[in-house]
Amino acid sequence: MYNTIKLDKGLYNLSGKTFTEALCEMDPDTNYADTELAGLDAYERQLKRFDIKVSGEGSDTVEKFFLSTESAILFPEFVKRAIKAGMNSSALSEIVAAKTKTNSSDCRGISIVAEENKPYSTVTAEGNALPETAIKLSSSLVTMSKFGRSISTTYETIRNQRLDVLAVSLMSIGAQIADAVFAQAVGVLKNGIVPDSMAGTEFDYSELAKFWGKFGSYDMTTIIAKPETMAKILSFEQMKYADGNFMATGAVKTPFGATLIKSGAVDDGTIIGLDKSCALEMINGSDIVLETDKLISRQVETIAVSVTTGFAKIIPEAVRVLDIA
């Protein structure tokens, strides 16, 4: 049972396993089906074991983790989960079609290229060769990049802080890291693309609709724009017919269903459109990396937090750039 497991900091250092995965092998979730603990993962059951409340009314202070040597083992995972929650709040899910894990410092993705001048709708006469679509290794390596922050603090500073308040601070740091990762994704999306030109001289809703129409076989599900450009799009008269409920979901969509995302990483005078179902692959070289020993021993001066990741375009034709200057 969960309340008899021996916790050890070595659980953070098992190759190929997260702390929670290592715990789950010792304390499988299936043991708790149809019990009051169903729905809790192995880590959350340990929080219950040591009566540590990390959120809501009556949230404990950081010091609660350190009432015993075993409960102290749980603190780095609390920090990691809060940072990860902040990272997961980013708009990456709106532009990433697939995620891949790798242990290499670089890797080569795949690209899908249809035979030039032979669209899928072309009829093939009997006896003639079928049009070809090539799935091959990308011509360039995806270099993995490290993103992170060094958090300066001490145990004495945070020991009496409520865990829910500390979690908010850590989530903010996670969101900042995610913004940097998102900027890298934008750089990969726009790389090598010759922007489309507008039909007229002023960027308005009709130009946005024409840009949507240029996607042909693909669907423009997502538009990425600088904040000031997004504000202009939102001011279009036609946006009052926008799809979705911003107040309920937080998503802003055009009447034709494309989700709007603001990012300072987009070049001035351009917007990026893409089909999120097939445009971009996210390659993760590591989960969130923390200095767990310092956190467990309370010898905290700085907390180094980092992730390693990279991006590759899967289908280049599923991404377009519009010049609105």
C-alpha atoms as a PDB file:
ATOM      1  CA  MET A   1       0.000   0.000   0.000  1.00  0.00           C
ATOM      2  CA  TYR A   2       0.987   3.591  -0.581  1.00  0.00           C
ATOM      3  CA  ASN A   3       1.591   4.311   3.122  1.00  0.00           C
ATOM      4  CA  THR A   4       4.310   1.662   3.479  1.00  0.00           C
ATOM      5  CA  ILE A   5       6.484   2.582   0.483  1.00  0.00           C
ATOM      6  CA  LYS A   6      10.074   3.540   1.255  1.00  0.00           C
ATOM      7  CA  LEU A   7      10.828   6.886  -0.379  1.00  0.00           C
ATOM      8  CA  ASP A   8      14.386   7.545  -1.517  1.00  0.00           C
ATOM      9  CA  LYS A   9      15.927  10.329  -3.594  1.00  0.00           C
ATOM     10  CA  GLY A  10      17.315   7.674  -5.933  1.00  0.00           C
ATOM     11  CA  LEU A  11      13.802   7.442  -7.417  1.00  0.00           C
ATOM     12  CA  TYR A  12      14.598  10.685  -9.275  1.00  0.00           C
ATOM     13  CA  ASN A  13      17.629   9.179 -11.000  1.00  0.00           C
ATOM     14  CA  LEU A  14      16.262   6.010 -12.608  1.00  0.00           C
ATOM     15  CA  SER A  15      17.078   5.928 -16.308  1.00  0.00           C
ATOM     16  CA  GLY A  16      14.092   6.441 -18.581  1.00  0.00           C
ATOM     17  CA  LYS A  17      11.613   6.959 -15.739  1.00  0.00           C
ATOM     18  CA  THR A  18      10.118   9.975 -14.064  1.00  0.00           C
ATOM     19  CA  PHE A  19       9.736  10.104 -10.293  1.00  0.00           C
ATOM     20  CA  THR A  20       6.007   9.429 -10.587  1.00  0.00           C
ATOM     21  CA  GLU A  21       6.543   6.498 -12.979  1.00  0.00           C
ATOM     22  CA  ALA A  22       9.028   4.973 -10.531  1.00  0.00           C
ATOM     23  CA  LEU A  23       6.513   5.421  -7.708  1.00  0.00           C
ATOM     24  CA  CYS A  24       3.732   3.908  -9.794  1.00  0.00           C
ATOM     25  CA  GLU A  25       5.733   0.733 -10.369  1.00  0.00           C
ATOM     26  CA  MET A  26       5.971   0.325  -6.600  1.00  0.00           C
ATOM     27  CA  ASP A  27       2.365   1.396  -6.017  1.00  0.00           C
ATOM     28  CA  PRO A  28       0.254   0.672  -9.157  1.00  0.00           C
ATOM     29  CA  ASP A  29      -2.834   2.810  -9.789  1.00  0.00           C
ATOM     30  CA  THR A  30      -4.836  -0.349 -10.544  1.00  0.00           C
ATOM     31  CA  ASN A  31      -4.698  -1.280  -6.848  1.00  0.00           C
ATOM     32  CA  TYR A  32      -7.062   1.602  -6.072  1.00  0.00           C
ATOM     33  CA  ALA A  33      -9.852   1.065  -8.572  1.00  0.00           C
ATOM     34  CA  ASP A  34     -13.262   1.550  -6.956  1.00  0.00           C
ATOM     35  CA  THR A  35     -11.731   3.052  -3.804  1.00  0.00           C
ATOM     36  CA  GLU A  36     -11.719   6.601  -2.455  1.00  0.00           C
ATOM     37  CA  LEU A  37      -8.169   6.955  -3.838  1.00  0.00           C
ATOM     38  CA  ALA A  38      -9.191   6.204  -7.424  1.00  0.00           C
ATOM     39  CA  GLY A  39      -8.193   9.129  -9.627  1.00  0.00           C
ATOM     40  CA  LEU A  40      -5.067   9.963  -7.627  1.00  0.00           C
ATOM     41  CA  ASP A  41      -1.700   9.087  -9.107  1.00  0.00           C
ATOM     42  CA  ALA A  42       1.153   7.562  -7.106  1.00  0.00           C
ATOM     43  CA  TYR A  43       2.600  10.964  -6.193  1.00  0.00           C
ATOM     44  CA  GLU A  44      -0.740  12.367  -5.077  1.00  0.00           C
ATOM     45  CA  ARG A  45      -1.228   9.328  -2.851  1.00  0.00           C
ATOM     46  CA  GLN A  46       2.079  10.156  -1.146  1.00  0.00           C
ATOM     47  CA  LEU A  47       0.873  13.703  -0.512  1.00  0.00           C
ATOM     48  CA  LYS A  48      -2.199  12.190   1.145  1.00  0.00           C
ATOM     49  CA  ARG A  49       0.016   9.848   3.164  1.00  0.00           C
ATOM     50  CA  PHE A  50       1.901  12.757   4.689  1.00  0.00           C
ATOM     51  CA  ASP A  51      -1.197  14.991   4.847  1.00  0.00           C
ATOM     52  CA  ILE A  52       0.357  17.674   2.624  1.00  0.00           C
ATOM     53  CA  LYS A  53      -2.218  20.021   1.074  1.00  0.00           C
ATOM     54  CA  VAL A  54      -0.745  21.804  -1.948  1.00  0.00           C
ATOM     55  CA  SER A  55      -3.775  23.849  -3.028  1.00  0.00           C
ATOM     56  CA  GLY A  56      -7.106  25.248  -1.965  1.00  0.00           C
ATOM     57  CA  GLU A  57      -8.308  26.386   1.410  1.00  0.00           C
ATOM     58  CA  GLY A  58      -5.948  25.243   4.140  1.00  0.00           C
ATOM     59  CA  SER A  59      -2.976  24.899   1.821  1.00  0.00           C
ATOM     60  CA  ASP A  60       0.131  23.999   3.825  1.00  0.00           C
ATOM     61  CA  THR A  61       3.442  25.845   3.874  1.00  0.00           C
ATOM     62  CA  VAL A  62       6.654  24.599   2.274  1.00  0.00           C
ATOM     63  CA  GLU A  63       7.880  23.513   5.703  1.00  0.00           C
ATOM     64  CA  LYS A  64       5.274  20.726   5.774  1.00  0.00           C
ATOM     65  CA  PHE A  65       7.325  18.775   3.214  1.00  0.00           C
ATOM     66  CA  PHE A  66      10.298  18.747   5.595  1.00  0.00           C
ATOM     67  CA  LEU A  67       8.704  17.296   8.733  1.00  0.00           C
ATOM     68  CA  SER A  68      10.358  13.972   7.868  1.00  0.00           C
ATOM     69  CA  THR A  69      13.222  12.790   5.672  1.00  0.00           C
ATOM     70  CA  GLU A  70      10.804  10.779   3.508  1.00  0.00           C
ATOM     71  CA  SER A  71       8.270  13.549   2.913  1.00  0.00           C
ATOM     72  CA  ALA A  72      11.154  15.854   1.908  1.00  0.00           C
ATOM     73  CA  ILE A  73      11.703  13.527  -1.081  1.00  0.00           C
ATOM     74  CA  LEU A  74       8.360  14.754  -2.484  1.00  0.00           C
ATOM     75  CA  PHE A  75       9.279  18.445  -2.686  1.00  0.00           C
ATOM     76  CA  PRO A  76      11.237  18.443  -5.996  1.00  0.00           C
ATOM     77  CA  GLU A  77       8.269  16.783  -7.707  1.00  0.00           C
ATOM     78  CA  PHE A  78       5.996  19.536  -6.387  1.00  0.00           C
ATOM     79  CA  VAL A  79       8.327  22.158  -7.903  1.00  0.00           C
ATOM     80  CA  LYS A  80       8.513  20.260 -11.198  1.00  0.00           C
ATOM     81  CA  ARG A  81       4.728  19.854 -11.481  1.00  0.00           C
ATOM     82  CA  ALA A  82       4.086  23.536 -10.829  1.00  0.00           C
ATOM     83  CA  ILE A  83       6.612  24.582 -13.487  1.00  0.00           C
ATOM     84  CA  LYS A  84       5.178  22.041 -15.922  1.00  0.00           C
ATOM     85  CA  ALA A  85       1.656  23.353 -15.334  1.00  0.00           C
ATOM     86  CA  GLY A  86       2.899  26.802 -16.341  1.00  0.00           C
ATOM     87  CA  MET A  87       4.523  25.418 -19.472  1.00  0.00           C
ATOM     88  CA  ASN A  88       1.377  23.506 -20.424  1.00  0.00           C
ATOM     89  CA  SER A  89      -0.624  26.737 -20.343  1.00  0.00           C
ATOM     90  CA  SER A  90       1.189  27.948 -23.473  1.00  0.00           C
ATOM     91  CA  ALA A  91      -0.264  27.874 -26.994  1.00  0.00           C
ATOM     92  CA  LEU A  92       2.098  25.118 -28.162  1.00  0.00           C
ATOM     93  CA  SER A  93      -0.812  22.674 -28.287  1.00  0.00           C
ATOM     94  CA  GLU A  94      -2.381  24.864 -30.999  1.00  0.00           C
ATOM     95  CA  ILE A  95       0.575  24.503 -33.376  1.00  0.00           C
ATOM     96  CA  VAL A  96       2.147  21.087 -32.634  1.00  0.00           C
ATOM     97  CA  ALA A  97       0.889  18.087 -34.623  1.00  0.00           C
ATOM     98  CA  ALA A  98       3.091  15.421 -33.011  1.00  0.00           C
ATOM     99  CA  LYS A  99       5.584  15.029 -30.163  1.00  0.00           C
ATOM    100  CA  THR A 100       8.686  12.840 -30.262  1.00  0.00           C
ATOM    101  CA  LYS A 101      11.190  11.931 -27.542  1.00  0.00           C
ATOM    102  CA  THR A 102      14.894  11.538 -28.181  1.00  0.00           C
ATOM    103  CA  ASN A 103      18.036  10.990 -26.134  1.00  0.00           C
ATOM    104  CA  SER A 104      20.260  12.539 -28.810  1.00  0.00           C
ATOM    105  CA  SER A 105      21.608  16.086 -28.946  1.00  0.00           C
ATOM    106  CA  ASP A 106      20.233  16.334 -32.469  1.00  0.00           C
ATOM    107  CA  CYS A 107      17.972  14.256 -34.696  1.00  0.00           C
ATOM    108  CA  ARG A 108      16.587  14.094 -38.209  1.00  0.00           C
ATOM    109  CA  GLY A 109      12.846  14.292 -38.748  1.00  0.00           C
ATOM    110  CA  ILE A 110      10.849  13.311 -41.813  1.00  0.00           C
ATOM    111  CA  SER A 111       9.361  15.403 -44.571  1.00  0.00           C
ATOM    112  CA  ILE A 112       6.423  14.587 -46.858  1.00  0.00           C
ATOM    113  CA  VAL A 113       6.611  15.935 -50.387  1.00  0.00           C
ATOM    114  CA  ALA A 114       4.060  15.346 -53.165  1.00  0.00           C
ATOM    115  CA  GLU A 115       5.222  15.050 -56.768  1.00  0.00           C
ATOM    116  CA  GLU A 116       5.391  18.526 -58.266  1.00  0.00           C
ATOM    117  CA  ASN A 117       2.508  19.601 -60.527  1.00  0.00           C
ATOM    118  CA  LYS A 118       0.528  16.426 -59.788  1.00  0.00           C
ATOM    119  CA  PRO A 119      -2.153  17.164 -57.164  1.00  0.00           C
ATOM    120  CA  TYR A 120      -4.093  14.397 -55.434  1.00  0.00           C
ATOM    121  CA  SER A 121      -7.177  15.208 -57.517  1.00  0.00           C
ATOM    122  CA  THR A 122      -5.415  14.365 -60.804  1.00  0.00           C
ATOM    123  CA  VAL A 123      -6.936  11.386 -62.597  1.00  0.00           C
ATOM    124  CA  THR A 124      -4.384   8.743 -63.578  1.00  0.00           C
ATOM    125  CA  ALA A 125      -5.020   7.088 -66.919  1.00  0.00           C
ATOM    126  CA  GLU A 126      -4.910   3.308 -67.082  1.00  0.00           C
ATOM    127  CA  GLY A 127      -1.366   2.070 -67.512  1.00  0.00           C
ATOM    128  CA  ASN A 128       0.232   5.304 -66.315  1.00  0.00           C
ATOM    129  CA  ALA A 129       2.270   5.624 -63.145  1.00  0.00           C
ATOM    130  CA  LEU A 130       0.505   6.978 -60.068  1.00  0.00           C
ATOM    131  CA  PRO A 131       1.633  10.386 -58.778  1.00  0.00           C
ATOM    132  CA  GLU A 132       4.260   9.971 -56.080  1.00  0.00           C
ATOM    133  CA  THR A 133       4.354  11.278 -52.523  1.00  0.00           C
ATOM    134  CA  ALA A 134       7.768  10.869 -50.928  1.00  0.00           C
ATOM    135  CA  ILE A 135       8.264  10.307 -47.202  1.00  0.00           C
ATOM    136  CA  LYS A 136      11.945  10.791 -46.512  1.00  0.00           C
ATOM    137  CA  LEU A 137      14.394  11.990 -43.929  1.00  0.00           C
ATOM    138  CA  SER A 138      14.621  15.729 -43.601  1.00  0.00           C
ATOM    139  CA  SER A 139      17.575  17.295 -45.401  1.00  0.00           C
ATOM    140  CA  SER A 140      18.775  18.991 -42.215  1.00  0.00           C
ATOM    141  CA  LEU A 141      19.314  17.960 -38.619  1.00  0.00           C
ATOM    142  CA  VAL A 142      17.101  19.310 -35.863  1.00  0.00           C
ATOM    143  CA  THR A 143      19.410  20.792 -33.255  1.00  0.00           C
ATOM    144  CA  MET A 144      18.111  20.465 -29.723  1.00  0.00           C
ATOM    145  CA  SER A 145      18.148  23.667 -27.672  1.00  0.00           C
ATOM    146  CA  LYS A 146      18.120  24.092 -23.910  1.00  0.00           C
ATOM    147  CA  PHE A 147      15.701  26.537 -22.309  1.00  0.00           C
ATOM    148  CA  GLY A 148      15.635  27.307 -18.623  1.00  0.00           C
ATOM    149  CA  ARG A 149      15.882  29.663 -15.696  1.00  0.00           C
ATOM    150  CA  SER A 150      18.035  29.905 -12.608  1.00  0.00           C
ATOM    151  CA  ILE A 151      15.741  30.631  -9.671  1.00  0.00           C
ATOM    152  CA  SER A 152      17.520  32.447  -6.853  1.00  0.00           C
ATOM    153  CA  THR A 153      16.087  31.748  -3.403  1.00  0.00           C
ATOM    154  CA  THR A 154      16.808  30.030  -0.089  1.00  0.00           C
ATOM    155  CA  TYR A 155      14.915  27.572   2.052  1.00  0.00           C
ATOM    156  CA  GLU A 156      14.656  30.229   4.748  1.00  0.00           C
ATOM    157  CA  THR A 157      12.917  32.522   2.257  1.00  0.00           C
ATOM    158  CA  ILE A 158      10.266  30.038   1.159  1.00  0.00           C
ATOM    159  CA  ARG A 159       9.816  27.768   4.205  1.00  0.00           C
ATOM    160  CA  ASN A 160       6.799  29.690   5.540  1.00  0.00           C
ATOM    161  CA  GLN A 161       5.231  30.383   2.139  1.00  0.00           C
ATOM    162  CA  ARG A 162       1.919  28.706   1.351  1.00  0.00           C
ATOM    163  CA  LEU A 163       2.315  26.007  -1.254  1.00  0.00           C
ATOM    164  CA  ASP A 164      -0.451  27.358  -3.482  1.00  0.00           C
ATOM    165  CA  VAL A 165       1.228  30.782  -3.567  1.00  0.00           C
ATOM    166  CA  LEU A 166       4.631  29.253  -4.359  1.00  0.00           C
ATOM    167  CA  ALA A 167       2.995  27.156  -7.085  1.00  0.00           C
ATOM    168  CA  VAL A 168       1.688  30.316  -8.774  1.00  0.00           C
ATOM    169  CA  SER A 169       5.210  31.764  -8.809  1.00  0.00           C
ATOM    170  CA  LEU A 170       6.641  28.562 -10.262  1.00  0.00           C
ATOM    171  CA  MET A 171       3.881  28.376 -12.869  1.00  0.00           C
ATOM    172  CA  SER A 172       4.802  31.897 -13.972  1.00  0.00           C
ATOM    173  CA  ILE A 173       8.403  30.766 -14.486  1.00  0.00           C
ATOM    174  CA  GLY A 174       7.167  27.757 -16.451  1.00  0.00           C
ATOM    175  CA  ALA A 175       5.100  30.046 -18.665  1.00  0.00           C
ATOM    176  CA  GLN A 176       8.170  32.199 -19.376  1.00  0.00           C
ATOM    177  CA  ILE A 177      10.153  29.134 -20.429  1.00  0.00           C
ATOM    178  CA  ALA A 178       7.259  28.031 -22.637  1.00  0.00           C
ATOM    179  CA  ASP A 179       7.212  31.456 -24.325  1.00  0.00           C
ATOM    180  CA  ALA A 180      10.876  30.991 -25.287  1.00  0.00           C
ATOM    181  CA  VAL A 181      10.137  27.492 -26.621  1.00  0.00           C
ATOM    182  CA  PHE A 182       7.163  28.867 -28.584  1.00  0.00           C
ATOM    183  CA  ALA A 183       9.408  31.505 -30.156  1.00  0.00           C
ATOM    184  CA  GLN A 184      11.719  28.744 -31.386  1.00  0.00           C
ATOM    185  CA  ALA A 185       8.724  26.950 -32.914  1.00  0.00           C
ATOM    186  CA  VAL A 186       7.693  30.130 -34.733  1.00  0.00           C
ATOM    187  CA  GLY A 187      11.227  30.474 -36.120  1.00  0.00           C
ATOM    188  CA  VAL A 188      11.066  26.950 -37.550  1.00  0.00           C
ATOM    189  CA  LEU A 189       7.603  27.509 -39.034  1.00  0.00           C
ATOM    190  CA  LYS A 190       8.567  30.662 -40.949  1.00  0.00           C
ATOM    191  CA  ASN A 191      12.046  29.489 -41.986  1.00  0.00           C
ATOM    192  CA  GLY A 192      12.488  29.179 -45.740  1.00  0.00           C
ATOM    193  CA  ILE A 193       8.996  30.442 -46.638  1.00  0.00           C
ATOM    194  CA  VAL A 194       8.524  33.176 -49.240  1.00  0.00           C
ATOM    195  CA  PRO A 195       5.596  35.276 -47.955  1.00  0.00           C
ATOM    196  CA  ASP A 196       2.397  35.599 -49.980  1.00  0.00           C
ATOM    197  CA  SER A 197       1.438  39.118 -51.046  1.00  0.00           C
ATOM    198  CA  MET A 198      -1.901  40.764 -50.419  1.00  0.00           C
ATOM    199  CA  ALA A 199      -4.258  41.382 -53.331  1.00  0.00           C
ATOM    200  CA  GLY A 200      -4.854  44.980 -52.205  1.00  0.00           C
ATOM    201  CA  THR A 201      -2.923  47.598 -50.302  1.00  0.00           C
ATOM    202  CA  GLU A 202      -4.644  47.425 -46.906  1.00  0.00           C
ATOM    203  CA  PHE A 203      -4.835  44.459 -44.548  1.00  0.00           C
ATOM    204  CA  ASP A 204      -8.525  43.813 -43.870  1.00  0.00           C
ATOM    205  CA  TYR A 205     -10.846  40.868 -43.374  1.00  0.00           C
ATOM    206  CA  SER A 206     -11.080  40.124 -47.083  1.00  0.00           C
ATOM    207  CA  GLU A 207      -7.281  39.731 -47.235  1.00  0.00           C
ATOM    208  CA  LEU A 208      -7.428  37.370 -44.258  1.00  0.00           C
ATOM    209  CA  ALA A 209     -10.119  35.294 -45.985  1.00  0.00           C
ATOM    210  CA  LYS A 210      -8.108  35.176 -49.218  1.00  0.00           C
ATOM    211  CA  PHE A 211      -5.084  33.973 -47.264  1.00  0.00           C
ATOM    212  CA  TRP A 212      -7.229  31.182 -45.787  1.00  0.00           C
ATOM    213  CA  GLY A 213      -8.255  30.243 -49.327  1.00  0.00           C
ATOM    214  CA  LYS A 214      -4.649  29.765 -50.434  1.00  0.00           C
ATOM    215  CA  PHE A 215      -4.229  26.642 -48.321  1.00  0.00           C
ATOM    216  CA  GLY A 216      -5.875  24.398 -50.914  1.00  0.00           C
ATOM    217  CA  SER A 217      -5.637  20.788 -49.663  1.00  0.00           C
ATOM    218  CA  TYR A 218      -4.880  21.914 -46.110  1.00  0.00           C
ATOM    219  CA  ASP A 219      -6.953  23.810 -43.585  1.00  0.00           C
ATOM    220  CA  MET A 220      -5.684  26.988 -41.942  1.00  0.00           C
ATOM    221  CA  THR A 221      -6.554  26.037 -38.371  1.00  0.00           C
ATOM    222  CA  THR A 222      -4.231  28.530 -36.672  1.00  0.00           C
ATOM    223  CA  ILE A 223      -3.010  32.100 -37.227  1.00  0.00           C
ATOM    224  CA  ILE A 224      -0.003  33.477 -35.338  1.00  0.00           C
ATOM    225  CA  ALA A 225       0.431  37.253 -35.266  1.00  0.00           C
ATOM    226  CA  LYS A 226       2.157  39.987 -33.295  1.00  0.00           C
ATOM    227  CA  PRO A 227      -0.042  41.431 -30.503  1.00  0.00           C
ATOM    228  CA  GLU A 228      -0.722  44.663 -32.416  1.00  0.00           C
ATOM    229  CA  THR A 229      -1.671  42.705 -35.552  1.00  0.00           C
ATOM    230  CA  MET A 230      -3.970  40.457 -33.551  1.00  0.00           C
ATOM    231  CA  ALA A 231      -5.638  43.529 -32.075  1.00  0.00           C
ATOM    232  CA  LYS A 232      -6.278  44.776 -35.606  1.00  0.00           C
ATOM    233  CA  ILE A 233      -7.794  41.451 -36.632  1.00  0.00           C
ATOM    234  CA  LEU A 234     -10.057  41.497 -33.587  1.00  0.00           C
ATOM    235  CA  SER A 235     -11.287  44.945 -34.615  1.00  0.00           C
ATOM    236  CA  PHE A 236     -12.564  43.699 -37.997  1.00  0.00           C
ATOM    237  CA  GLU A 237     -16.344  44.069 -38.220  1.00  0.00           C
ATOM    238  CA  GLN A 238     -16.681  40.449 -39.332  1.00  0.00           C
ATOM    239  CA  MET A 239     -15.115  39.180 -36.098  1.00  0.00           C
ATOM    240  CA  LYS A 240     -18.428  39.700 -34.324  1.00  0.00           C
ATOM    241  CA  TYR A 241     -19.448  36.496 -36.093  1.00  0.00           C
ATOM    242  CA  ALA A 242     -16.406  34.674 -34.702  1.00  0.00           C
ATOM    243  CA  ASP A 243     -16.699  30.976 -33.942  1.00  0.00           C
ATOM    244  CA  GLY A 244     -16.409  29.801 -30.332  1.00  0.00           C
ATOM    245  CA  ASN A 245     -17.002  31.368 -26.946  1.00  0.00           C
ATOM    246  CA  PHE A 246     -14.040  33.395 -25.686  1.00  0.00           C
ATOM    247  CA  MET A 247     -15.583  33.952 -22.258  1.00  0.00           C
ATOM    248  CA  ALA A 248     -15.999  30.195 -21.751  1.00  0.00           C
ATOM    249  CA  THR A 249     -12.891  28.783 -23.435  1.00  0.00           C
ATOM    250  CA  GLY A 250     -10.390  31.648 -23.736  1.00  0.00           C
ATOM    251  CA  ALA A 251      -9.921  30.799 -27.425  1.00  0.00           C
ATOM    252  CA  VAL A 252     -10.255  33.507 -30.076  1.00  0.00           C
ATOM    253  CA  LYS A 253     -11.348  32.225 -33.488  1.00  0.00           C
ATOM    254  CA  THR A 254     -12.186  33.748 -36.841  1.00  0.00           C
ATOM    255  CA  PRO A 255     -15.606  33.124 -38.407  1.00  0.00           C
ATOM    256  CA  PHE A 256     -13.959  30.437 -40.574  1.00  0.00           C
ATOM    257  CA  GLY A 257     -12.648  28.665 -37.460  1.00  0.00           C
ATOM    258  CA  ALA A 258      -8.945  29.563 -37.327  1.00  0.00           C
ATOM    259  CA  THR A 259      -7.602  30.039 -33.799  1.00  0.00           C
ATOM    260  CA  LEU A 260      -5.734  33.326 -33.257  1.00  0.00           C
ATOM    261  CA  ILE A 261      -2.506  33.259 -31.262  1.00  0.00           C
ATOM    262  CA  LYS A 262      -0.416  36.307 -30.422  1.00  0.00           C
ATOM    263  CA  SER A 263       3.379  36.072 -30.321  1.00  0.00           C
ATOM    264  CA  GLY A 264       6.105  38.664 -30.371  1.00  0.00           C
ATOM    265  CA  ALA A 265       8.279  36.167 -32.277  1.00  0.00           C
ATOM    266  CA  VAL A 266       6.408  36.842 -35.542  1.00  0.00           C
ATOM    267  CA  ASP A 267       8.156  39.271 -37.901  1.00  0.00           C
ATOM    268  CA  ASP A 268       6.766  42.787 -38.258  1.00  0.00           C
ATOM    269  CA  GLY A 269       4.317  43.097 -41.129  1.00  0.00           C
ATOM    270  CA  THR A 270       3.550  39.374 -41.422  1.00  0.00           C
ATOM    271  CA  ILE A 271       1.187  36.727 -40.106  1.00  0.00           C
ATOM    272  CA  ILE A 272       1.719  32.956 -40.099  1.00  0.00           C
ATOM    273  CA  GLY A 273      -1.027  30.503 -40.993  1.00  0.00           C
ATOM    274  CA  LEU A 274      -0.790  26.751 -40.525  1.00  0.00           C
ATOM    275  CA  ASP A 275      -2.668  23.492 -40.373  1.00  0.00           C
ATOM    276  CA  LYS A 276      -1.833  22.293 -36.872  1.00  0.00           C
ATOM    277  CA  SER A 277      -2.768  18.698 -37.731  1.00  0.00           C
ATOM    278  CA  CYS A 278       0.254  18.195 -39.979  1.00  0.00           C
ATOM    279  CA  ALA A 279       2.620  21.188 -39.921  1.00  0.00           C
ATOM    280  CA  LEU A 280       4.997  20.830 -36.983  1.00  0.00           C
ATOM    281  CA  GLU A 281       6.740  18.141 -34.927  1.00  0.00           C
ATOM    282  CA  MET A 282       8.015  18.887 -31.421  1.00  0.00           C
ATOM    283  CA  ILE A 283      11.062  16.853 -30.396  1.00  0.00           C
ATOM    284  CA  ASN A 284      11.711  16.626 -26.661  1.00  0.00           C
ATOM    285  CA  GLY A 285      15.236  15.838 -25.566  1.00  0.00           C
ATOM    286  CA  SER A 286      14.405  15.918 -21.862  1.00  0.00           C
ATOM    287  CA  ASP A 287      11.631  16.393 -19.375  1.00  0.00           C
ATOM    288  CA  ILE A 288      12.003  19.267 -16.898  1.00  0.00           C
ATOM    289  CA  VAL A 289      15.410  18.915 -15.232  1.00  0.00           C
ATOM    290  CA  LEU A 290      15.873  20.065 -11.617  1.00  0.00           C
ATOM    291  CA  GLU A 291      18.653  19.909  -9.063  1.00  0.00           C
ATOM    292  CA  THR A 292      16.740  17.557  -6.785  1.00  0.00           C
ATOM    293  CA  ASP A 293      19.486  17.001  -4.207  1.00  0.00           C
ATOM    294  CA  LYS A 294      19.607  20.699  -3.273  1.00  0.00           C
ATOM    295  CA  LEU A 295      15.857  20.851  -2.887  1.00  0.00           C
ATOM    296  CA  ILE A 296      15.698  17.741  -0.714  1.00  0.00           C
ATOM    297  CA  SER A 297      18.585  18.775   1.557  1.00  0.00           C
ATOM    298  CA  ARG A 298      17.309  22.378   1.872  1.00  0.00           C
ATOM    299  CA  GLN A 299      20.711  23.660   0.720  1.00  0.00           C
ATOM    300  CA  VAL A 300      19.006  25.979  -1.737  1.00  0.00           C
ATOM    301  CA  GLU A 301      20.636  29.088  -3.164  1.00  0.00           C
ATOM    302  CA  THR A 302      19.589  28.691  -6.763  1.00  0.00           C
ATOM    303  CA  ILE A 303      17.254  26.228  -8.462  1.00  0.00           C
ATOM    304  CA  ALA A 304      18.318  25.501 -12.038  1.00  0.00           C
ATOM    305  CA  VAL A 305      15.356  24.494 -14.207  1.00  0.00           C
ATOM    306  CA  SER A 306      15.703  23.491 -17.856  1.00  0.00           C
ATOM    307  CA  VAL A 307      14.154  21.599 -20.758  1.00  0.00           C
ATOM    308  CA  THR A 308      15.720  20.523 -24.051  1.00  0.00           C
ATOM    309  CA  THR A 309      13.625  20.611 -27.188  1.00  0.00           C
ATOM    310  CA  GLY A 310      13.579  21.219 -30.931  1.00  0.00           C
ATOM    311  CA  PHE A 311      11.109  21.493 -33.829  1.00  0.00           C
ATOM    312  CA  ALA A 312      10.811  20.269 -37.413  1.00  0.00           C
ATOM    313  CA  LYS A 313       8.270  20.951 -40.146  1.00  0.00           C
ATOM    314  CA  ILE A 314       6.454  17.791 -41.262  1.00  0.00           C
ATOM    315  CA  ILE A 315       4.573  19.062 -44.326  1.00  0.00           C
ATOM    316  CA  PRO A 316       6.028  22.397 -45.501  1.00  0.00           C
ATOM    317  CA  GLU A 317       2.952  23.156 -47.642  1.00  0.00           C
ATOM    318  CA  ALA A 318       0.810  23.219 -44.466  1.00  0.00           C
ATOM    319  CA  VAL A 319       2.461  26.513 -43.424  1.00  0.00           C
ATOM    320  CA  ARG A 320       2.159  29.864 -45.188  1.00  0.00           C
ATOM    321  CA  VAL A 321       3.194  33.447 -44.375  1.00  0.00           C
ATOM    322  CA  LEU A 322       1.297  36.561 -45.473  1.00  0.00           C
ATOM    323  CA  ASP A 323       3.031  39.892 -45.973  1.00  0.00           C
ATOM    324  CA  ILE A 324       0.668  42.564 -44.603  1.00  0.00           C
ATOM    325  CA  ALA A 325       3.106  45.486 -44.613  1.00  0.00           C
END
